[in-house]
Amino acid sequence: MYTLSVSKYISAAHQLNEYDGPCARIHGHNWKIQIDVQAETLNKTGIAVDFNDLEKWLWQIIGPFDHQLINTVTPFDHLNPTAENLVKYIFEEMKKRLPEGARLARISAWETDSCMVSYEE
């Protein structure tokens, strides 16, 4: 089994709804988003999934959040923009883009160097 990982960074702000604490106020993070994709086979070139495609697809999903208040960007204009909700959203969107034979293993998001959440099925 091959596992491919790609990460990208965005700078974005959010505020947590119905939260009793400082994160209820607008605050920002330099988010690191990582995808882990698995495949058992390689194509005729010897590639499981092209890294360029993975990076492009990841940016298509997270790029709209870069330098934005996440609360104002769909679907987080009606969904609480917690890190947990963010990784699940990215997971569901990335799953739609993967070619046959590739499986999305995990999405991880770091809000800080010491705070990370992952989602996998």
C-alpha atoms as a PDB file:
ATOM      1  CA  MET A   1       0.000   0.000   0.000  1.00  0.00           C
ATOM      2  CA  TYR A   2       1.346   3.397  -0.986  1.00  0.00           C
ATOM      3  CA  THR A   3       0.524   6.474   1.079  1.00  0.00           C
ATOM      4  CA  LEU A   4       0.969   9.896  -0.483  1.00  0.00           C
ATOM      5  CA  SER A   5       0.818  13.059   1.605  1.00  0.00           C
ATOM      6  CA  VAL A   6       0.475  16.637   0.438  1.00  0.00           C
ATOM      7  CA  SER A   7       0.157  19.725   2.611  1.00  0.00           C
ATOM      8  CA  LYS A   8      -0.684  23.347   1.962  1.00  0.00           C
ATOM      9  CA  TYR A   9      -0.957  26.407   4.160  1.00  0.00           C
ATOM     10  CA  ILE A  10      -3.607  29.069   4.428  1.00  0.00           C
ATOM     11  CA  SER A  11      -3.962  32.085   6.667  1.00  0.00           C
ATOM     12  CA  ALA A  12      -7.554  32.501   7.733  1.00  0.00           C
ATOM     13  CA  ALA A  13      -9.652  33.810  10.583  1.00  0.00           C
ATOM     14  CA  HIS A  14     -12.723  32.329  12.197  1.00  0.00           C
ATOM     15  CA  GLN A  15     -14.877  32.672  15.269  1.00  0.00           C
ATOM     16  CA  LEU A  16     -16.664  29.812  16.944  1.00  0.00           C
ATOM     17  CA  ASN A  17     -20.401  30.120  17.353  1.00  0.00           C
ATOM     18  CA  GLU A  18     -22.047  29.114  20.637  1.00  0.00           C
ATOM     19  CA  TYR A  19     -18.637  28.775  22.282  1.00  0.00           C
ATOM     20  CA  ASP A  20     -17.929  30.091  25.766  1.00  0.00           C
ATOM     21  CA  GLY A  21     -14.340  31.237  25.570  1.00  0.00           C
ATOM     22  CA  PRO A  22     -11.877  33.441  23.713  1.00  0.00           C
ATOM     23  CA  CYS A  23     -12.355  31.562  20.419  1.00  0.00           C
ATOM     24  CA  ALA A  24     -15.851  33.082  20.219  1.00  0.00           C
ATOM     25  CA  ARG A  25     -14.055  36.256  19.112  1.00  0.00           C
ATOM     26  CA  ILE A  26     -12.574  36.610  15.640  1.00  0.00           C
ATOM     27  CA  HIS A  27      -9.038  35.247  15.624  1.00  0.00           C
ATOM     28  CA  GLY A  28      -6.694  33.890  12.997  1.00  0.00           C
ATOM     29  CA  HIS A  29      -4.480  30.913  12.342  1.00  0.00           C
ATOM     30  CA  ASN A  30      -1.809  29.937   9.890  1.00  0.00           C
ATOM     31  CA  TRP A  31      -3.464  26.629   9.088  1.00  0.00           C
ATOM     32  CA  LYS A  32      -1.544  23.634   7.777  1.00  0.00           C
ATOM     33  CA  ILE A  33      -3.807  21.237   5.885  1.00  0.00           C
ATOM     34  CA  GLN A  34      -2.524  17.775   4.993  1.00  0.00           C
ATOM     35  CA  ILE A  35      -4.135  15.057   2.914  1.00  0.00           C
ATOM     36  CA  ASP A  36      -3.088  11.403   3.023  1.00  0.00           C
ATOM     37  CA  VAL A  37      -4.096   9.284   0.035  1.00  0.00           C
ATOM     38  CA  GLN A  38      -3.590   5.535  -0.316  1.00  0.00           C
ATOM     39  CA  ALA A  39      -3.336   3.348  -3.396  1.00  0.00           C
ATOM     40  CA  GLU A  40      -2.343  -0.254  -3.953  1.00  0.00           C
ATOM     41  CA  THR A  41      -1.377   0.051  -7.596  1.00  0.00           C
ATOM     42  CA  LEU A  42       0.704   2.324  -9.793  1.00  0.00           C
ATOM     43  CA  ASN A  43       0.019   3.545 -13.302  1.00  0.00           C
ATOM     44  CA  LYS A  44       2.294   2.670 -16.246  1.00  0.00           C
ATOM     45  CA  THR A  45       4.594   5.549 -15.253  1.00  0.00           C
ATOM     46  CA  GLY A  46       4.961   4.171 -11.741  1.00  0.00           C
ATOM     47  CA  ILE A  47       2.765   6.809 -10.047  1.00  0.00           C
ATOM     48  CA  ALA A  48      -0.115   6.138  -7.665  1.00  0.00           C
ATOM     49  CA  VAL A  49      -1.629   9.648  -7.896  1.00  0.00           C
ATOM     50  CA  ASP A  50       0.205  12.640  -9.327  1.00  0.00           C
ATOM     51  CA  PHE A  51       1.370  15.019  -6.575  1.00  0.00           C
ATOM     52  CA  ASN A  52       0.554  17.954  -8.870  1.00  0.00           C
ATOM     53  CA  ASP A  53      -3.056  16.813  -9.077  1.00  0.00           C
ATOM     54  CA  LEU A  54      -3.294  16.345  -5.311  1.00  0.00           C
ATOM     55  CA  GLU A  55      -1.907  19.844  -4.701  1.00  0.00           C
ATOM     56  CA  LYS A  56      -4.238  21.366  -7.304  1.00  0.00           C
ATOM     57  CA  TRP A  57      -7.318  19.642  -5.879  1.00  0.00           C
ATOM     58  CA  LEU A  58      -6.418  20.567  -2.315  1.00  0.00           C
ATOM     59  CA  TRP A  59      -5.983  24.209  -3.294  1.00  0.00           C
ATOM     60  CA  GLN A  60      -9.318  24.195  -5.157  1.00  0.00           C
ATOM     61  CA  ILE A  61     -10.931  23.224  -1.855  1.00  0.00           C
ATOM     62  CA  ILE A  62      -9.024  25.361   0.669  1.00  0.00           C
ATOM     63  CA  GLY A  63      -7.980  28.305  -1.510  1.00  0.00           C
ATOM     64  CA  PRO A  64     -11.323  30.108  -1.082  1.00  0.00           C
ATOM     65  CA  PHE A  65     -10.645  30.264   2.692  1.00  0.00           C
ATOM     66  CA  ASP A  66      -7.177  31.815   2.353  1.00  0.00           C
ATOM     67  CA  HIS A  67      -7.026  35.328   3.865  1.00  0.00           C
ATOM     68  CA  GLN A  68     -10.749  35.223   4.595  1.00  0.00           C
ATOM     69  CA  LEU A  69     -13.018  35.083   7.594  1.00  0.00           C
ATOM     70  CA  ILE A  70     -14.033  31.433   7.238  1.00  0.00           C
ATOM     71  CA  ASN A  71     -17.452  32.198   8.757  1.00  0.00           C
ATOM     72  CA  THR A  72     -18.345  34.117   5.579  1.00  0.00           C
ATOM     73  CA  VAL A  73     -17.395  31.374   3.091  1.00  0.00           C
ATOM     74  CA  THR A  74     -19.738  28.537   2.108  1.00  0.00           C
ATOM     75  CA  PRO A  75     -20.496  26.166   3.814  1.00  0.00           C
ATOM     76  CA  PHE A  76     -19.292  27.876   6.994  1.00  0.00           C
ATOM     77  CA  ASP A  77     -21.669  30.763   6.541  1.00  0.00           C
ATOM     78  CA  HIS A  78     -24.188  28.342   8.132  1.00  0.00           C
ATOM     79  CA  LEU A  79     -21.919  25.673   9.681  1.00  0.00           C
ATOM     80  CA  ASN A  80     -19.773  26.369  12.755  1.00  0.00           C
ATOM     81  CA  PRO A  81     -16.186  26.723  11.457  1.00  0.00           C
ATOM     82  CA  THR A  82     -14.519  24.456  13.989  1.00  0.00           C
ATOM     83  CA  ALA A  83     -11.365  22.643  12.944  1.00  0.00           C
ATOM     84  CA  GLU A  84     -13.372  19.419  13.152  1.00  0.00           C
ATOM     85  CA  ASN A  85     -16.010  20.676  10.720  1.00  0.00           C
ATOM     86  CA  LEU A  86     -13.307  22.053   8.430  1.00  0.00           C
ATOM     87  CA  VAL A  87     -11.458  18.737   8.076  1.00  0.00           C
ATOM     88  CA  LYS A  88     -14.675  16.812   7.436  1.00  0.00           C
ATOM     89  CA  TYR A  89     -15.667  19.303   4.735  1.00  0.00           C
ATOM     90  CA  ILE A  90     -12.238  19.029   3.079  1.00  0.00           C
ATOM     91  CA  PHE A  91     -12.429  15.227   3.310  1.00  0.00           C
ATOM     92  CA  GLU A  92     -15.811  15.082   1.574  1.00  0.00           C
ATOM     93  CA  GLU A  93     -14.713  17.494  -1.164  1.00  0.00           C
ATOM     94  CA  MET A  94     -11.386  15.736  -1.790  1.00  0.00           C
ATOM     95  CA  LYS A  95     -13.072  12.330  -1.993  1.00  0.00           C
ATOM     96  CA  LYS A  96     -15.027  13.586  -5.028  1.00  0.00           C
ATOM     97  CA  ARG A  97     -11.826  14.378  -6.907  1.00  0.00           C
ATOM     98  CA  LEU A  98      -9.743  11.247  -6.428  1.00  0.00           C
ATOM     99  CA  PRO A  99      -9.315   8.847  -9.338  1.00  0.00           C
ATOM    100  CA  GLU A 100     -10.420   5.234  -9.210  1.00  0.00           C
ATOM    101  CA  GLY A 101      -8.000   3.103  -7.251  1.00  0.00           C
ATOM    102  CA  ALA A 102      -7.091   5.873  -4.803  1.00  0.00           C
ATOM    103  CA  ARG A 103      -8.554   6.101  -1.315  1.00  0.00           C
ATOM    104  CA  LEU A 104      -8.569   9.151   0.907  1.00  0.00           C
ATOM    105  CA  ALA A 105      -7.092   7.935   4.183  1.00  0.00           C
ATOM    106  CA  ARG A 106      -7.047  11.118   6.284  1.00  0.00           C
ATOM    107  CA  ILE A 107      -7.288  14.879   6.346  1.00  0.00           C
ATOM    108  CA  SER A 108      -5.412  16.748   9.088  1.00  0.00           C
ATOM    109  CA  ALA A 109      -5.493  20.429  10.005  1.00  0.00           C
ATOM    110  CA  TRP A 110      -3.167  22.218  12.387  1.00  0.00           C
ATOM    111  CA  GLU A 111      -4.437  25.468  13.889  1.00  0.00           C
ATOM    112  CA  THR A 112      -1.108  25.866  15.671  1.00  0.00           C
ATOM    113  CA  ASP A 113       2.086  23.825  15.917  1.00  0.00           C
ATOM    114  CA  SER A 114       0.603  21.980  18.890  1.00  0.00           C
ATOM    115  CA  CYS A 115      -3.122  21.724  18.010  1.00  0.00           C
ATOM    116  CA  MET A 116      -4.220  19.379  15.224  1.00  0.00           C
ATOM    117  CA  VAL A 117      -7.362  17.473  14.295  1.00  0.00           C
ATOM    118  CA  SER A 118      -7.716  14.632  11.777  1.00  0.00           C
ATOM    119  CA  TYR A 119     -10.681  13.047  10.054  1.00  0.00           C
ATOM    120  CA  GLU A 120     -10.837   9.626   8.435  1.00  0.00           C
ATOM    121  CA  GLU A 121     -13.558   7.157   7.561  1.00  0.00           C
END
